């Protein structure tokens, strides 16, 4: 399977709000496999949201297992995710496959409790902290039509041109 095409800012579709998933079937599970493959094909990719590939359903994948020094739950498929509670706020640097040329400083909750369904429709609950909490919040923002650019602490001092993103394909 080929990786799906990533929508790149300023594509207006990235501003679209996604709809809840209603049907948990083989088609959904196949899409999750393609979405995950797309995430893994990007250098340093630890998360992806369905809207980034033009599918406007509330589907997110986050997997920090390739970063062994960072505490995480490993691979999380989050369907219809909802942040149930959060604690603390901390500023941190974020990048995005849909904004390949920039990174920026964004304020996020330091710890979140998250409810979601997995690809089989089974309820899951996670407590995420640190970088994992940041990654989950970043991906959930995509479901609501938000990019990290919308949450920059300051556009003047907290947006940075990325030095090298690797071999990025252009359409």
N, C-alpha and C. Protein backbone atom coordinates (compact mmCIF):
# COMPACT_ATOMS: atom_id res chain seq x y z
N UNK A 1 0.83 -1.19 0.00
CA UNK A 1 0.00 0.00 0.00
C UNK A 1 0.87 1.25 0.00
N UNK A 2 0.52 2.18 -0.82
CA UNK A 2 1.24 3.45 -0.86
C UNK A 2 0.73 4.36 0.25
N UNK A 3 1.63 5.20 0.73
CA UNK A 3 1.23 6.17 1.75
C UNK A 3 0.21 7.13 1.14
N UNK A 4 -0.71 7.59 1.98
CA UNK A 4 -1.72 8.56 1.55
C UNK A 4 -1.09 9.93 1.40
N UNK A 5 -1.68 10.78 0.58
CA UNK A 5 -1.15 12.13 0.38
C UNK A 5 -1.53 13.02 1.56
N UNK A 6 -0.54 13.72 2.08
CA UNK A 6 -0.73 14.64 3.20
C UNK A 6 -1.16 16.01 2.67
N UNK A 7 -2.23 16.56 3.23
CA UNK A 7 -2.63 17.93 2.90
C UNK A 7 -1.63 18.88 3.54
N UNK A 8 -1.20 19.88 2.78
CA UNK A 8 -0.18 20.83 3.24
C UNK A 8 -0.80 22.21 3.40
N UNK A 9 -0.51 22.86 4.55
CA UNK A 9 -0.93 24.24 4.79
C UNK A 9 -0.44 25.10 3.65
N UNK A 10 -1.26 25.99 3.09
CA UNK A 10 -2.51 26.55 3.58
C UNK A 10 -3.78 25.89 3.00
N UNK A 11 -3.73 24.62 2.66
CA UNK A 11 -4.93 23.94 2.14
C UNK A 11 -6.09 24.17 3.10
N UNK A 12 -7.17 24.76 2.61
CA UNK A 12 -8.31 25.14 3.45
C UNK A 12 -9.04 23.94 4.03
N UNK A 13 -8.87 22.76 3.44
CA UNK A 13 -9.51 21.57 4.00
C UNK A 13 -9.00 21.25 5.39
N UNK A 14 -7.79 21.71 5.72
CA UNK A 14 -7.25 21.48 7.07
C UNK A 14 -8.04 22.21 8.15
N UNK A 15 -8.87 23.17 7.74
CA UNK A 15 -9.70 23.93 8.69
C UNK A 15 -11.06 23.26 8.93
N UNK A 16 -11.35 22.21 8.20
CA UNK A 16 -12.65 21.54 8.28
C UNK A 16 -12.78 20.75 9.59
N UNK A 17 -13.95 20.79 10.20
CA UNK A 17 -14.22 20.02 11.43
C UNK A 17 -14.65 18.63 11.03
N UNK A 18 -14.08 17.63 11.69
CA UNK A 18 -14.35 16.22 11.37
C UNK A 18 -15.58 15.70 12.10
N UNK A 19 -16.21 14.72 11.50
CA UNK A 19 -17.42 14.10 12.03
C UNK A 19 -17.09 12.83 12.82
N UNK A 20 -17.87 12.50 13.84
CA UNK A 20 -17.63 11.26 14.58
C UNK A 20 -17.78 10.03 13.69
N UNK A 21 -16.98 9.02 13.99
CA UNK A 21 -17.07 7.74 13.30
C UNK A 21 -18.32 7.04 13.83
N UNK A 22 -19.13 6.52 12.91
CA UNK A 22 -20.37 5.82 13.27
C UNK A 22 -20.25 4.32 13.06
N UNK A 23 -19.45 3.91 12.07
CA UNK A 23 -19.40 2.51 11.67
C UNK A 23 -18.01 1.94 11.90
N UNK A 24 -17.94 0.86 12.65
CA UNK A 24 -16.68 0.18 12.95
C UNK A 24 -16.67 -1.12 12.17
N UNK A 25 -15.98 -1.11 11.02
CA UNK A 25 -16.02 -2.25 10.12
C UNK A 25 -14.66 -2.44 9.46
N UNK A 26 -14.60 -3.35 8.52
CA UNK A 26 -13.35 -3.63 7.81
C UNK A 26 -12.82 -2.44 7.05
N UNK A 27 -13.71 -1.63 6.51
CA UNK A 27 -13.29 -0.43 5.79
C UNK A 27 -12.57 0.54 6.73
N UNK A 28 -13.09 0.71 7.93
CA UNK A 28 -12.44 1.58 8.92
C UNK A 28 -11.07 1.01 9.29
N UNK A 29 -11.01 -0.29 9.57
CA UNK A 29 -9.74 -0.90 9.96
C UNK A 29 -8.70 -0.80 8.83
N UNK A 30 -9.13 -0.94 7.58
CA UNK A 30 -8.21 -0.79 6.44
C UNK A 30 -7.69 0.64 6.36
N UNK A 31 -8.58 1.60 6.58
CA UNK A 31 -8.16 3.00 6.56
C UNK A 31 -7.13 3.26 7.67
N UNK A 32 -7.36 2.71 8.86
CA UNK A 32 -6.43 2.90 9.98
C UNK A 32 -5.04 2.36 9.60
N UNK A 33 -4.99 1.23 8.91
CA UNK A 33 -3.71 0.66 8.47
C UNK A 33 -3.02 1.63 7.51
N UNK A 34 -3.75 2.17 6.55
CA UNK A 34 -3.18 3.12 5.59
C UNK A 34 -2.72 4.41 6.29
N UNK A 35 -3.52 4.87 7.22
CA UNK A 35 -3.18 6.10 7.96
C UNK A 35 -1.90 5.88 8.76
N UNK A 36 -1.79 4.73 9.41
CA UNK A 36 -0.59 4.43 10.19
C UNK A 36 0.64 4.32 9.29
N UNK A 37 0.48 3.68 8.15
CA UNK A 37 1.59 3.57 7.20
C UNK A 37 2.04 4.96 6.74
N UNK A 38 1.11 5.84 6.52
CA UNK A 38 1.43 7.20 6.12
C UNK A 38 2.21 7.91 7.23
N UNK A 39 1.78 7.75 8.47
CA UNK A 39 2.49 8.36 9.61
C UNK A 39 3.92 7.83 9.68
N UNK A 40 4.08 6.53 9.53
CA UNK A 40 5.41 5.92 9.66
C UNK A 40 6.33 6.26 8.49
N UNK A 41 5.77 6.69 7.37
CA UNK A 41 6.60 7.04 6.22
C UNK A 41 7.18 8.45 6.33
N UNK A 42 6.74 9.20 7.32
CA UNK A 42 7.23 10.55 7.52
C UNK A 42 8.36 10.54 8.54
N UNK A 43 9.47 11.22 8.25
CA UNK A 43 10.57 11.23 9.21
C UNK A 43 10.15 11.84 10.54
N UNK A 44 10.32 11.09 11.61
CA UNK A 44 10.01 11.59 12.94
C UNK A 44 8.54 11.63 13.28
N UNK A 45 7.67 11.10 12.42
CA UNK A 45 6.24 11.15 12.66
C UNK A 45 5.82 10.31 13.86
N UNK A 46 5.16 10.93 14.83
CA UNK A 46 4.67 10.21 16.01
C UNK A 46 3.16 10.26 16.12
N UNK A 47 2.52 10.98 15.20
CA UNK A 47 1.08 11.08 15.23
C UNK A 47 0.54 11.55 13.90
N UNK A 48 -0.72 11.20 13.66
CA UNK A 48 -1.40 11.64 12.44
C UNK A 48 -2.89 11.65 12.72
N UNK A 49 -3.58 12.55 12.06
CA UNK A 49 -5.04 12.63 12.17
C UNK A 49 -5.64 12.47 10.77
N UNK A 50 -6.78 11.83 10.70
CA UNK A 50 -7.43 11.55 9.42
C UNK A 50 -7.60 12.80 8.54
N UNK A 51 -7.94 13.97 9.09
CA UNK A 51 -8.09 15.14 8.23
C UNK A 51 -6.83 15.51 7.46
N UNK A 52 -5.67 15.11 7.96
CA UNK A 52 -4.42 15.43 7.27
C UNK A 52 -4.30 14.71 5.93
N UNK A 53 -5.12 13.67 5.73
CA UNK A 53 -5.12 12.95 4.46
C UNK A 53 -6.46 13.10 3.75
N UNK A 54 -7.24 14.10 4.16
CA UNK A 54 -8.49 14.41 3.48
C UNK A 54 -9.68 13.56 3.89
N UNK A 55 -9.59 12.86 5.02
CA UNK A 55 -10.71 12.07 5.54
C UNK A 55 -11.21 12.79 6.80
N UNK A 56 -12.42 13.31 6.74
CA UNK A 56 -12.89 14.19 7.81
C UNK A 56 -13.75 13.43 8.82
N UNK A 57 -13.11 12.40 9.40
CA UNK A 57 -13.68 11.63 10.49
C UNK A 57 -12.74 11.74 11.68
N UNK A 58 -13.28 11.54 12.88
CA UNK A 58 -12.52 11.75 14.11
C UNK A 58 -11.66 10.52 14.42
N UNK A 59 -10.53 10.43 13.70
CA UNK A 59 -9.59 9.31 13.82
C UNK A 59 -8.19 9.87 13.97
N UNK A 60 -7.48 9.39 15.00
CA UNK A 60 -6.12 9.82 15.30
C UNK A 60 -5.29 8.60 15.64
N UNK A 61 -4.03 8.62 15.24
CA UNK A 61 -3.07 7.62 15.69
C UNK A 61 -1.90 8.36 16.33
N UNK A 62 -1.49 7.90 17.50
CA UNK A 62 -0.29 8.43 18.16
C UNK A 62 0.52 7.22 18.61
N UNK A 63 1.83 7.25 18.29
CA UNK A 63 2.70 6.14 18.69
C UNK A 63 4.09 6.69 18.97
N UNK A 64 4.46 6.71 20.24
CA UNK A 64 5.78 7.18 20.65
C UNK A 64 6.72 6.03 20.97
N UNK A 65 6.35 4.80 20.64
CA UNK A 65 7.16 3.65 21.02
C UNK A 65 8.56 3.66 20.40
N UNK A 66 8.77 4.40 19.31
CA UNK A 66 10.10 4.50 18.71
C UNK A 66 11.00 5.44 19.50
N UNK A 67 10.45 6.10 20.52
CA UNK A 67 11.22 7.01 21.37
C UNK A 67 11.28 6.41 22.78
N UNK A 68 12.18 5.44 22.99
CA UNK A 68 12.18 4.67 24.24
C UNK A 68 12.42 5.48 25.51
N UNK A 69 13.01 6.67 25.40
CA UNK A 69 13.26 7.48 26.59
C UNK A 69 12.05 8.29 27.01
N UNK A 70 10.97 8.21 26.20
CA UNK A 70 9.75 8.96 26.50
C UNK A 70 8.67 7.99 26.94
N UNK A 71 8.10 8.23 28.13
CA UNK A 71 7.03 7.38 28.63
C UNK A 71 5.81 7.49 27.72
N UNK A 72 5.25 6.33 27.35
CA UNK A 72 4.08 6.36 26.48
C UNK A 72 3.29 5.05 26.59
N UNK A 73 2.12 5.07 26.00
CA UNK A 73 1.26 3.89 25.94
C UNK A 73 1.54 3.07 24.68
N UNK A 74 2.54 3.48 23.89
CA UNK A 74 2.80 2.80 22.63
C UNK A 74 1.80 3.25 21.58
N UNK A 75 1.41 2.33 20.72
CA UNK A 75 0.50 2.64 19.62
C UNK A 75 -0.91 2.84 20.17
N UNK A 76 -1.47 4.03 19.89
CA UNK A 76 -2.85 4.32 20.29
C UNK A 76 -3.64 4.71 19.05
N UNK A 77 -4.69 3.96 18.76
CA UNK A 77 -5.65 4.36 17.74
C UNK A 77 -6.81 4.98 18.51
N UNK A 78 -7.07 6.25 18.25
CA UNK A 78 -8.06 7.01 19.02
C UNK A 78 -9.18 7.45 18.09
N UNK A 79 -10.33 6.84 18.25
CA UNK A 79 -11.48 7.17 17.42
C UNK A 79 -12.50 7.88 18.28
N UNK A 80 -12.99 9.00 17.77
CA UNK A 80 -13.90 9.88 18.52
C UNK A 80 -13.29 10.24 19.88
N UNK A 81 -12.01 10.67 19.89
CA UNK A 81 -11.35 10.97 21.17
C UNK A 81 -11.94 12.19 21.84
N UNK A 82 -11.87 12.17 23.16
CA UNK A 82 -12.36 13.29 23.96
C UNK A 82 -11.45 13.46 25.17
N UNK A 83 -10.95 14.67 25.36
CA UNK A 83 -10.15 14.96 26.55
C UNK A 83 -11.12 15.18 27.70
N UNK A 84 -11.01 14.31 28.70
CA UNK A 84 -11.94 14.32 29.83
C UNK A 84 -11.50 15.28 30.93
N UNK A 85 -10.18 15.40 31.09
CA UNK A 85 -9.65 16.35 32.07
C UNK A 85 -8.20 16.67 31.70
N UNK A 86 -7.71 17.78 32.24
CA UNK A 86 -6.33 18.17 32.00
C UNK A 86 -5.79 18.89 33.20
N UNK A 87 -4.44 18.88 33.32
CA UNK A 87 -3.76 19.54 34.42
C UNK A 87 -2.51 20.24 33.90
N UNK A 88 -2.20 21.38 34.50
CA UNK A 88 -0.97 22.09 34.21
C UNK A 88 -0.87 22.55 32.77
N UNK A 89 -0.08 23.56 32.54
CA UNK A 89 0.17 24.05 31.19
C UNK A 89 1.67 24.23 31.03
N UNK A 90 2.16 23.86 29.86
CA UNK A 90 3.59 23.98 29.60
C UNK A 90 3.79 24.34 28.12
N UNK A 91 4.81 25.16 27.87
CA UNK A 91 5.15 25.54 26.50
C UNK A 91 6.13 24.53 25.93
N UNK A 92 5.91 24.14 24.67
CA UNK A 92 6.82 23.21 24.02
C UNK A 92 6.80 23.37 22.51
N UNK A 93 7.84 22.86 21.87
CA UNK A 93 8.01 22.98 20.42
C UNK A 93 7.24 21.87 19.72
N UNK A 94 6.54 22.24 18.64
CA UNK A 94 5.79 21.28 17.85
C UNK A 94 6.09 21.46 16.37
N UNK A 95 5.99 20.35 15.66
CA UNK A 95 6.06 20.35 14.21
C UNK A 95 4.87 19.56 13.70
N UNK A 96 4.70 19.54 12.38
CA UNK A 96 3.53 18.90 11.81
C UNK A 96 3.80 18.51 10.36
N UNK A 97 3.35 17.33 9.98
CA UNK A 97 3.50 16.90 8.59
C UNK A 97 2.76 17.83 7.63
N UNK A 98 1.70 18.46 8.09
CA UNK A 98 0.93 19.37 7.24
C UNK A 98 1.53 20.78 7.19
N UNK A 99 2.53 21.04 8.03
CA UNK A 99 3.24 22.33 8.03
C UNK A 99 4.73 21.98 8.03
N UNK A 100 5.22 21.42 6.91
CA UNK A 100 6.55 20.82 6.90
C UNK A 100 7.72 21.80 7.05
N UNK A 101 7.52 23.06 6.79
CA UNK A 101 8.64 24.00 6.78
C UNK A 101 8.84 24.77 8.08
N UNK A 102 7.96 24.56 9.06
CA UNK A 102 8.03 25.33 10.30
C UNK A 102 7.80 24.47 11.54
N UNK A 103 8.30 24.94 12.67
CA UNK A 103 7.95 24.43 13.99
C UNK A 103 7.55 25.65 14.81
N UNK A 104 6.95 25.40 15.97
CA UNK A 104 6.55 26.54 16.79
C UNK A 104 6.31 26.15 18.23
N UNK A 105 6.36 27.14 19.11
CA UNK A 105 6.10 26.94 20.53
C UNK A 105 4.62 27.11 20.81
N UNK A 106 4.06 26.12 21.49
CA UNK A 106 2.62 26.07 21.77
C UNK A 106 2.42 25.70 23.24
N UNK A 107 1.44 26.32 23.88
CA UNK A 107 1.06 25.95 25.25
C UNK A 107 0.07 24.78 25.17
N UNK A 108 0.34 23.75 25.97
CA UNK A 108 -0.54 22.57 26.04
C UNK A 108 -0.65 22.11 27.48
N UNK A 109 -1.70 21.35 27.75
CA UNK A 109 -1.83 20.72 29.07
C UNK A 109 -0.70 19.72 29.25
N UNK A 110 -0.18 19.66 30.46
CA UNK A 110 0.94 18.78 30.77
C UNK A 110 0.49 17.33 30.98
N UNK A 111 -0.76 17.18 31.43
CA UNK A 111 -1.29 15.84 31.72
C UNK A 111 -2.77 15.85 31.34
N UNK A 112 -3.20 14.80 30.62
CA UNK A 112 -4.60 14.71 30.22
C UNK A 112 -5.15 13.31 30.50
N UNK A 113 -6.44 13.26 30.74
CA UNK A 113 -7.16 12.00 30.77
C UNK A 113 -8.00 11.99 29.51
N UNK A 114 -7.92 10.90 28.78
CA UNK A 114 -8.47 10.82 27.45
C UNK A 114 -9.38 9.60 27.32
N UNK A 115 -10.54 9.81 26.74
CA UNK A 115 -11.43 8.70 26.40
C UNK A 115 -11.54 8.60 24.90
N UNK A 116 -11.57 7.38 24.37
CA UNK A 116 -11.69 7.17 22.92
C UNK A 116 -12.14 5.73 22.68
N UNK A 117 -12.46 5.45 21.44
CA UNK A 117 -12.75 4.09 21.01
C UNK A 117 -11.57 3.61 20.18
N UNK A 118 -11.30 2.31 20.18
CA UNK A 118 -10.27 1.80 19.28
C UNK A 118 -10.91 1.41 17.96
N UNK A 119 -10.14 0.83 17.05
CA UNK A 119 -10.67 0.55 15.71
C UNK A 119 -11.74 -0.53 15.71
N UNK A 120 -11.93 -1.22 16.82
CA UNK A 120 -13.00 -2.22 16.95
C UNK A 120 -14.22 -1.66 17.68
N UNK A 121 -14.18 -0.37 18.02
CA UNK A 121 -15.29 0.27 18.71
C UNK A 121 -15.29 0.05 20.21
N UNK A 122 -14.19 -0.47 20.75
CA UNK A 122 -14.09 -0.74 22.19
C UNK A 122 -13.61 0.51 22.92
N UNK A 123 -14.27 0.87 24.03
CA UNK A 123 -13.86 2.07 24.78
C UNK A 123 -12.49 1.90 25.42
N UNK A 124 -11.71 2.97 25.38
CA UNK A 124 -10.37 3.01 25.96
C UNK A 124 -10.27 4.28 26.80
N UNK A 125 -9.46 4.24 27.83
CA UNK A 125 -9.16 5.44 28.60
C UNK A 125 -7.67 5.46 28.89
N UNK A 126 -7.08 6.62 28.70
CA UNK A 126 -5.64 6.78 28.90
C UNK A 126 -5.38 8.00 29.75
N UNK A 127 -4.31 7.93 30.54
CA UNK A 127 -3.76 9.11 31.19
C UNK A 127 -2.42 9.35 30.52
N UNK A 128 -2.29 10.48 29.87
CA UNK A 128 -1.09 10.82 29.11
C UNK A 128 -0.40 12.01 29.76
N UNK A 129 0.93 11.97 29.75
CA UNK A 129 1.71 13.05 30.34
C UNK A 129 2.81 13.48 29.38
N UNK A 130 3.31 14.69 29.60
CA UNK A 130 4.48 15.16 28.87
C UNK A 130 4.29 15.17 27.36
N UNK A 131 5.30 14.66 26.65
CA UNK A 131 5.29 14.69 25.19
C UNK A 131 4.12 13.90 24.60
N UNK A 132 3.76 12.79 25.24
CA UNK A 132 2.62 12.02 24.73
C UNK A 132 1.33 12.83 24.83
N UNK A 133 1.13 13.53 25.93
CA UNK A 133 -0.05 14.39 26.09
C UNK A 133 -0.04 15.48 25.03
N UNK A 134 1.12 16.06 24.76
CA UNK A 134 1.26 17.10 23.74
C UNK A 134 0.88 16.55 22.37
N UNK A 135 1.41 15.37 22.03
CA UNK A 135 1.13 14.77 20.72
C UNK A 135 -0.36 14.48 20.55
N UNK A 136 -1.00 13.95 21.58
CA UNK A 136 -2.43 13.66 21.50
C UNK A 136 -3.23 14.94 21.30
N UNK A 137 -2.91 15.98 22.07
CA UNK A 137 -3.64 17.25 21.93
C UNK A 137 -3.44 17.85 20.54
N UNK A 138 -2.23 17.75 20.02
CA UNK A 138 -1.92 18.26 18.68
C UNK A 138 -2.79 17.56 17.64
N UNK A 139 -2.88 16.22 17.72
CA UNK A 139 -3.66 15.47 16.74
C UNK A 139 -5.16 15.72 16.89
N UNK A 140 -5.65 15.81 18.11
CA UNK A 140 -7.07 16.10 18.32
C UNK A 140 -7.42 17.47 17.76
N UNK A 141 -6.50 18.43 17.86
CA UNK A 141 -6.74 19.75 17.25
C UNK A 141 -7.07 19.62 15.77
N UNK A 142 -6.38 18.72 15.05
CA UNK A 142 -6.66 18.53 13.63
C UNK A 142 -8.13 18.17 13.40
N UNK A 143 -8.72 17.42 14.31
CA UNK A 143 -10.11 16.99 14.16
C UNK A 143 -11.06 18.18 14.26
N UNK A 144 -10.59 19.25 14.91
CA UNK A 144 -11.40 20.45 15.08
C UNK A 144 -10.97 21.57 14.13
N UNK A 145 -10.18 21.21 13.11
CA UNK A 145 -9.78 22.19 12.11
C UNK A 145 -8.72 23.16 12.59
N UNK A 146 -7.93 22.76 13.58
CA UNK A 146 -6.88 23.63 14.13
C UNK A 146 -5.50 23.07 13.82
N UNK A 147 -4.56 23.95 13.55
CA UNK A 147 -3.15 23.60 13.39
C UNK A 147 -2.37 24.20 14.54
N UNK A 148 -1.15 23.72 14.75
CA UNK A 148 -0.34 24.33 15.82
C UNK A 148 -0.13 25.81 15.56
N UNK A 149 -0.18 26.22 14.29
CA UNK A 149 -0.05 27.65 13.95
C UNK A 149 -1.13 28.49 14.62
N UNK A 150 -2.31 27.89 14.83
CA UNK A 150 -3.42 28.60 15.47
C UNK A 150 -3.21 28.78 16.97
N UNK A 151 -2.25 28.04 17.53
CA UNK A 151 -2.03 28.07 18.98
C UNK A 151 -0.65 28.59 19.37
N UNK A 152 0.07 29.17 18.42
CA UNK A 152 1.40 29.69 18.73
C UNK A 152 1.33 30.68 19.89
N UNK A 153 2.32 30.61 20.77
CA UNK A 153 2.40 31.57 21.86
C UNK A 153 2.51 32.97 21.26
N UNK A 154 3.40 33.15 20.28
CA UNK A 154 3.56 34.43 19.57
C UNK A 154 4.03 34.14 18.16
N UNK A 155 3.31 34.64 17.16
CA UNK A 155 3.74 34.43 15.77
C UNK A 155 5.09 35.11 15.51
N UNK A 156 5.37 36.16 16.24
CA UNK A 156 6.60 36.92 16.02
C UNK A 156 7.83 36.22 16.59
N UNK A 157 7.69 35.60 17.78
CA UNK A 157 8.88 35.04 18.44
C UNK A 157 8.86 33.52 18.58
N UNK A 158 7.74 32.86 18.28
CA UNK A 158 7.64 31.42 18.54
C UNK A 158 7.36 30.57 17.31
N UNK A 159 7.64 31.11 16.12
CA UNK A 159 7.53 30.35 14.88
C UNK A 159 8.93 30.28 14.28
N UNK A 160 9.35 29.05 13.92
CA UNK A 160 10.73 28.84 13.47
C UNK A 160 10.74 28.08 12.16
N UNK A 161 11.57 28.54 11.22
CA UNK A 161 11.74 27.82 9.95
C UNK A 161 12.51 26.53 10.26
N UNK A 162 11.99 25.42 9.77
CA UNK A 162 12.65 24.12 9.98
C UNK A 162 13.90 24.07 9.11
N UNK A 163 14.99 23.64 9.70
CA UNK A 163 16.26 23.61 8.97
C UNK A 163 16.26 22.56 7.88
N UNK A 164 15.79 21.33 8.21
CA UNK A 164 15.80 20.26 7.22
C UNK A 164 14.72 19.26 7.58
N UNK A 165 13.78 19.04 6.66
CA UNK A 165 12.70 18.08 6.92
C UNK A 165 12.93 16.76 6.19
N UNK A 166 14.07 16.62 5.54
CA UNK A 166 14.31 15.40 4.77
C UNK A 166 13.80 15.58 3.36
N UNK A 167 13.55 14.48 2.70
CA UNK A 167 13.12 14.54 1.30
C UNK A 167 11.61 14.61 1.24
N UNK A 168 11.08 15.83 1.21
CA UNK A 168 9.64 16.04 1.18
C UNK A 168 9.17 16.01 -0.26
N UNK A 169 8.11 15.25 -0.49
CA UNK A 169 7.50 15.19 -1.82
C UNK A 169 6.61 16.40 -2.01
N UNK A 170 6.65 16.95 -3.20
CA UNK A 170 5.73 18.05 -3.49
C UNK A 170 4.82 17.63 -4.64
N UNK A 171 3.61 18.13 -4.61
CA UNK A 171 2.63 17.75 -5.62
C UNK A 171 2.82 18.57 -6.88
